[in-house]
Amino acid sequence: MKKMILSVIAHNNLGVIARVSGLFTRRGFSLTSLAGEDTHEPTISRLTLSVEEDEKSLLQIQRQLEKLVDIKEVQILEPDVDVARDLALIKVKLSKEFNKIIKNLTHSYNNVSVVDVNCESIMFQVCSTKEVIDDFIETVRPYGILESARTGVIALASVNR
């Protein structure tokens, strides 16, 4: 099994996400993440799908997606070559012990910033790879994570491709 990302350009029509996710369900493919939103063109959406499949299945997924009515283009991206990011918001309980490490914590992780704080908790925004986000969560877990939310992966082909 190989982790790959599919970048799908689609007409921004009602039900396109349902048709795409339905294809995965019907075919029994492993969809690990789905993120979708309008692009800079209001009639076009980009769906970013993260899958773990073998090469043969990945090509089959690509062909099946390309057959769907609203799909304009399907591109296979590689996480190690192309630019891929996840986003997480993580709310952590404030304590005297945790207050001492916050500054060092934000400096150790390049893509971490404080986005909200009050006397009881602090909220971090982490925009990076899945692995960095996982590592950050494990680092702050002992201090008491109150809430967290994560997006799926979003990605674009590298400009050097």
C-alpha atoms as a PDB file:
ATOM      1  CA  MET A   1       0.000   0.000   0.000  1.00  0.00           C
ATOM      2  CA  LYS A   2       1.236   3.427  -0.948  1.00  0.00           C
ATOM      3  CA  LYS A   3      -0.015   6.767   0.362  1.00  0.00           C
ATOM      4  CA  MET A   4      -0.901   9.061  -2.539  1.00  0.00           C
ATOM      5  CA  ILE A   5      -2.858  12.236  -3.106  1.00  0.00           C
ATOM      6  CA  LEU A   6      -5.348  12.835  -5.896  1.00  0.00           C
ATOM      7  CA  SER A   7      -6.046  16.401  -6.938  1.00  0.00           C
ATOM      8  CA  VAL A   8      -9.447  16.547  -8.620  1.00  0.00           C
ATOM      9  CA  ILE A   9     -10.669  19.597 -10.523  1.00  0.00           C
ATOM     10  CA  ALA A  10     -14.468  19.584 -10.839  1.00  0.00           C
ATOM     11  CA  HIS A  11     -17.289  21.794 -11.976  1.00  0.00           C
ATOM     12  CA  ASN A  12     -18.831  23.311  -8.871  1.00  0.00           C
ATOM     13  CA  ASN A  13     -22.173  21.521  -9.206  1.00  0.00           C
ATOM     14  CA  LEU A  14     -24.525  20.213  -6.549  1.00  0.00           C
ATOM     15  CA  GLY A  15     -23.674  16.652  -5.461  1.00  0.00           C
ATOM     16  CA  VAL A  16     -20.165  16.390  -6.894  1.00  0.00           C
ATOM     17  CA  ILE A  17     -18.627  15.500  -3.518  1.00  0.00           C
ATOM     18  CA  ALA A  18     -21.313  12.867  -2.913  1.00  0.00           C
ATOM     19  CA  ARG A  19     -20.606  11.281  -6.307  1.00  0.00           C
ATOM     20  CA  VAL A  20     -16.859  11.224  -5.667  1.00  0.00           C
ATOM     21  CA  SER A  21     -17.136   9.764  -2.160  1.00  0.00           C
ATOM     22  CA  GLY A  22     -19.791   7.313  -3.380  1.00  0.00           C
ATOM     23  CA  LEU A  23     -17.356   5.987  -5.969  1.00  0.00           C
ATOM     24  CA  PHE A  24     -14.910   5.108  -3.187  1.00  0.00           C
ATOM     25  CA  THR A  25     -17.631   3.425  -1.147  1.00  0.00           C
ATOM     26  CA  ARG A  26     -18.957   1.360  -4.068  1.00  0.00           C
ATOM     27  CA  ARG A  27     -15.497   0.230  -5.165  1.00  0.00           C
ATOM     28  CA  GLY A  28     -14.203  -0.449  -1.642  1.00  0.00           C
ATOM     29  CA  PHE A  29     -11.214   1.874  -1.949  1.00  0.00           C
ATOM     30  CA  SER A  30      -9.502   3.286   1.141  1.00  0.00           C
ATOM     31  CA  LEU A  31     -10.128   7.038   1.321  1.00  0.00           C
ATOM     32  CA  THR A  32      -8.179   8.495   4.263  1.00  0.00           C
ATOM     33  CA  SER A  33      -8.940  12.179   3.734  1.00  0.00           C
ATOM     34  CA  LEU A  34     -11.169  14.383   1.597  1.00  0.00           C
ATOM     35  CA  ALA A  35     -10.979  18.171   1.437  1.00  0.00           C
ATOM     36  CA  GLY A  36     -12.855  20.303  -1.044  1.00  0.00           C
ATOM     37  CA  GLU A  37     -13.550  23.948  -1.707  1.00  0.00           C
ATOM     38  CA  ASP A  38     -14.086  26.513  -4.427  1.00  0.00           C
ATOM     39  CA  THR A  39     -10.977  27.665  -6.257  1.00  0.00           C
ATOM     40  CA  HIS A  40     -10.148  31.175  -7.417  1.00  0.00           C
ATOM     41  CA  GLU A  41     -12.687  30.475 -10.177  1.00  0.00           C
ATOM     42  CA  PRO A  42     -16.211  30.384  -8.642  1.00  0.00           C
ATOM     43  CA  THR A  43     -17.483  27.654 -11.011  1.00  0.00           C
ATOM     44  CA  ILE A  44     -14.572  25.286 -10.285  1.00  0.00           C
ATOM     45  CA  SER A  45     -13.806  23.279  -7.135  1.00  0.00           C
ATOM     46  CA  ARG A  46     -10.696  21.378  -6.142  1.00  0.00           C
ATOM     47  CA  LEU A  47     -11.081  18.163  -4.195  1.00  0.00           C
ATOM     48  CA  THR A  48      -7.984  16.732  -2.558  1.00  0.00           C
ATOM     49  CA  LEU A  49      -8.241  13.041  -1.788  1.00  0.00           C
ATOM     50  CA  SER A  50      -5.708  11.111   0.253  1.00  0.00           C
ATOM     51  CA  VAL A  51      -5.677   7.384  -0.470  1.00  0.00           C
ATOM     52  CA  GLU A  52      -3.698   4.333   0.572  1.00  0.00           C
ATOM     53  CA  GLU A  53      -3.788   1.844  -2.258  1.00  0.00           C
ATOM     54  CA  ASP A  54      -1.445  -0.116  -4.483  1.00  0.00           C
ATOM     55  CA  GLU A  55      -0.358   1.370  -7.823  1.00  0.00           C
ATOM     56  CA  LYS A  56      -2.865  -0.673  -9.852  1.00  0.00           C
ATOM     57  CA  SER A  57      -5.809   0.404  -7.682  1.00  0.00           C
ATOM     58  CA  LEU A  58      -4.657   4.027  -7.770  1.00  0.00           C
ATOM     59  CA  LEU A  59      -4.740   4.066 -11.563  1.00  0.00           C
ATOM     60  CA  GLN A  60      -8.193   2.437 -11.481  1.00  0.00           C
ATOM     61  CA  ILE A  61      -9.420   5.137  -9.073  1.00  0.00           C
ATOM     62  CA  GLN A  62      -8.064   7.824 -11.398  1.00  0.00           C
ATOM     63  CA  ARG A  63      -9.848   6.306 -14.433  1.00  0.00           C
ATOM     64  CA  GLN A  64     -13.127   5.926 -12.512  1.00  0.00           C
ATOM     65  CA  LEU A  65     -12.998   9.524 -11.282  1.00  0.00           C
ATOM     66  CA  GLU A  66     -12.301  10.813 -14.798  1.00  0.00           C
ATOM     67  CA  LYS A  67     -15.530   9.125 -15.982  1.00  0.00           C
ATOM     68  CA  LEU A  68     -17.699  11.150 -13.579  1.00  0.00           C
ATOM     69  CA  VAL A  69     -19.707  13.893 -15.303  1.00  0.00           C
ATOM     70  CA  ASP A  70     -18.514  16.932 -13.339  1.00  0.00           C
ATOM     71  CA  ILE A  71     -14.817  16.007 -13.266  1.00  0.00           C
ATOM     72  CA  LYS A  72     -12.498  18.089 -15.442  1.00  0.00           C
ATOM     73  CA  GLU A  73      -9.108  16.705 -14.405  1.00  0.00           C
ATOM     74  CA  VAL A  74      -7.559  14.176 -12.028  1.00  0.00           C
ATOM     75  CA  GLN A  75      -3.892  14.423 -11.142  1.00  0.00           C
ATOM     76  CA  ILE A  76      -1.902  12.032  -8.961  1.00  0.00           C
ATOM     77  CA  LEU A  77       0.380  13.924  -6.578  1.00  0.00           C
ATOM     78  CA  GLU A  78       3.194  12.492  -4.495  1.00  0.00           C
ATOM     79  CA  PRO A  79       3.477  13.750  -0.905  1.00  0.00           C
ATOM     80  CA  ASP A  80       7.294  13.678  -1.033  1.00  0.00           C
ATOM     81  CA  VAL A  81       7.515  15.700  -4.275  1.00  0.00           C
ATOM     82  CA  ASP A  82       4.496  17.988  -4.351  1.00  0.00           C
ATOM     83  CA  VAL A  83       3.329  20.495  -1.732  1.00  0.00           C
ATOM     84  CA  ALA A  84       0.873  19.001   0.755  1.00  0.00           C
ATOM     85  CA  ARG A  85      -0.370  20.505   4.016  1.00  0.00           C
ATOM     86  CA  ASP A  86      -2.796  19.743   6.806  1.00  0.00           C
ATOM     87  CA  LEU A  87      -4.231  22.266   9.249  1.00  0.00           C
ATOM     88  CA  ALA A  88      -5.021  21.692  12.897  1.00  0.00           C
ATOM     89  CA  LEU A  89      -6.430  23.818  15.705  1.00  0.00           C
ATOM     90  CA  ILE A  90      -5.464  22.519  19.129  1.00  0.00           C
ATOM     91  CA  LYS A  91      -6.762  23.984  22.395  1.00  0.00           C
ATOM     92  CA  VAL A  92      -4.584  23.228  25.429  1.00  0.00           C
ATOM     93  CA  LYS A  93      -5.261  23.882  29.102  1.00  0.00           C
ATOM     94  CA  LEU A  94      -3.039  26.607  30.536  1.00  0.00           C
ATOM     95  CA  SER A  95      -0.990  25.857  33.625  1.00  0.00           C
ATOM     96  CA  LYS A  96       2.122  27.348  35.241  1.00  0.00           C
ATOM     97  CA  GLU A  97       4.158  24.438  33.905  1.00  0.00           C
ATOM     98  CA  PHE A  98       2.820  24.819  30.351  1.00  0.00           C
ATOM     99  CA  ASN A  99       3.227  28.636  30.366  1.00  0.00           C
ATOM    100  CA  LYS A 100       6.988  28.127  30.776  1.00  0.00           C
ATOM    101  CA  ILE A 101       7.358  26.151  27.548  1.00  0.00           C
ATOM    102  CA  ILE A 102       4.945  27.971  25.186  1.00  0.00           C
ATOM    103  CA  LYS A 103       7.557  30.323  23.745  1.00  0.00           C
ATOM    104  CA  ASN A 104      10.057  27.508  23.142  1.00  0.00           C
ATOM    105  CA  LEU A 105       7.308  25.333  21.714  1.00  0.00           C
ATOM    106  CA  THR A 106       6.277  27.880  19.088  1.00  0.00           C
ATOM    107  CA  HIS A 107       9.935  28.441  18.156  1.00  0.00           C
ATOM    108  CA  SER A 108      10.678  24.698  17.855  1.00  0.00           C
ATOM    109  CA  TYR A 109       7.832  24.164  15.417  1.00  0.00           C
ATOM    110  CA  ASN A 110       8.122  26.553  12.458  1.00  0.00           C
ATOM    111  CA  ASN A 111       4.483  26.271  11.413  1.00  0.00           C
ATOM    112  CA  VAL A 112       2.834  26.738  14.812  1.00  0.00           C
ATOM    113  CA  SER A 113       1.216  29.946  15.952  1.00  0.00           C
ATOM    114  CA  VAL A 114      -0.980  31.023  18.839  1.00  0.00           C
ATOM    115  CA  VAL A 115      -4.380  32.119  17.507  1.00  0.00           C
ATOM    116  CA  ASP A 116      -6.426  32.519  20.692  1.00  0.00           C
ATOM    117  CA  VAL A 117      -5.710  32.701  24.399  1.00  0.00           C
ATOM    118  CA  ASN A 118      -7.550  33.368  27.654  1.00  0.00           C
ATOM    119  CA  CYS A 119      -6.800  32.716  31.311  1.00  0.00           C
ATOM    120  CA  GLU A 120      -7.784  29.034  31.065  1.00  0.00           C
ATOM    121  CA  SER A 121      -6.587  27.861  27.641  1.00  0.00           C
ATOM    122  CA  ILE A 122      -4.496  28.593  24.588  1.00  0.00           C
ATOM    123  CA  MET A 123      -5.270  27.663  20.992  1.00  0.00           C
ATOM    124  CA  PHE A 124      -2.561  26.778  18.494  1.00  0.00           C
ATOM    125  CA  GLN A 125      -2.795  26.676  14.736  1.00  0.00           C
ATOM    126  CA  VAL A 126      -0.504  24.141  13.079  1.00  0.00           C
ATOM    127  CA  CYS A 127      -0.138  24.179   9.300  1.00  0.00           C
ATOM    128  CA  SER A 128       2.260  21.468   8.203  1.00  0.00           C
ATOM    129  CA  THR A 129       2.497  17.816   7.273  1.00  0.00           C
ATOM    130  CA  LYS A 130       0.425  15.178   9.019  1.00  0.00           C
ATOM    131  CA  GLU A 131       3.553  13.901  10.756  1.00  0.00           C
ATOM    132  CA  VAL A 132       4.478  17.307  12.213  1.00  0.00           C
ATOM    133  CA  ILE A 133       0.916  17.834  13.444  1.00  0.00           C
ATOM    134  CA  ASP A 134       0.910  14.361  15.029  1.00  0.00           C
ATOM    135  CA  ASP A 135       4.244  15.151  16.718  1.00  0.00           C
ATOM    136  CA  PHE A 136       2.986  18.506  18.031  1.00  0.00           C
ATOM    137  CA  ILE A 137      -0.144  16.857  19.453  1.00  0.00           C
ATOM    138  CA  GLU A 138       1.958  14.254  21.258  1.00  0.00           C
ATOM    139  CA  THR A 139       4.201  17.018  22.647  1.00  0.00           C
ATOM    140  CA  VAL A 140       1.291  18.996  24.160  1.00  0.00           C
ATOM    141  CA  ARG A 141      -0.837  15.980  25.145  1.00  0.00           C
ATOM    142  CA  PRO A 142       0.664  15.703  28.680  1.00  0.00           C
ATOM    143  CA  TYR A 143      -0.454  19.292  29.411  1.00  0.00           C
ATOM    144  CA  GLY A 144      -4.115  18.566  28.671  1.00  0.00           C
ATOM    145  CA  ILE A 145      -5.634  18.936  25.231  1.00  0.00           C
ATOM    146  CA  LEU A 146      -9.143  20.322  25.657  1.00  0.00           C
ATOM    147  CA  GLU A 147     -10.226  20.180  22.007  1.00  0.00           C
ATOM    148  CA  SER A 148      -8.768  19.696  18.567  1.00  0.00           C
ATOM    149  CA  ALA A 149      -9.926  19.863  14.970  1.00  0.00           C
ATOM    150  CA  ARG A 150      -8.082  18.898  11.795  1.00  0.00           C
ATOM    151  CA  THR A 151      -8.607  19.347   8.099  1.00  0.00           C
ATOM    152  CA  GLY A 152      -7.811  16.746   5.546  1.00  0.00           C
ATOM    153  CA  VAL A 153      -4.740  17.164   3.409  1.00  0.00           C
ATOM    154  CA  ILE A 154      -4.731  19.846   0.698  1.00  0.00           C
ATOM    155  CA  ALA A 155      -2.105  19.793  -2.033  1.00  0.00           C
ATOM    156  CA  LEU A 156      -0.890  21.299  -5.285  1.00  0.00           C
ATOM    157  CA  ALA A 157       1.644  20.012  -7.767  1.00  0.00           C
ATOM    158  CA  SER A 158       5.088  21.464  -7.221  1.00  0.00           C
ATOM    159  CA  VAL A 159       6.056  24.345  -9.505  1.00  0.00           C
ATOM    160  CA  ASN A 160       9.160  22.327 -10.441  1.00  0.00           C
ATOM    161  CA  ARG A 161       7.137  19.394 -11.724  1.00  0.00           C
END
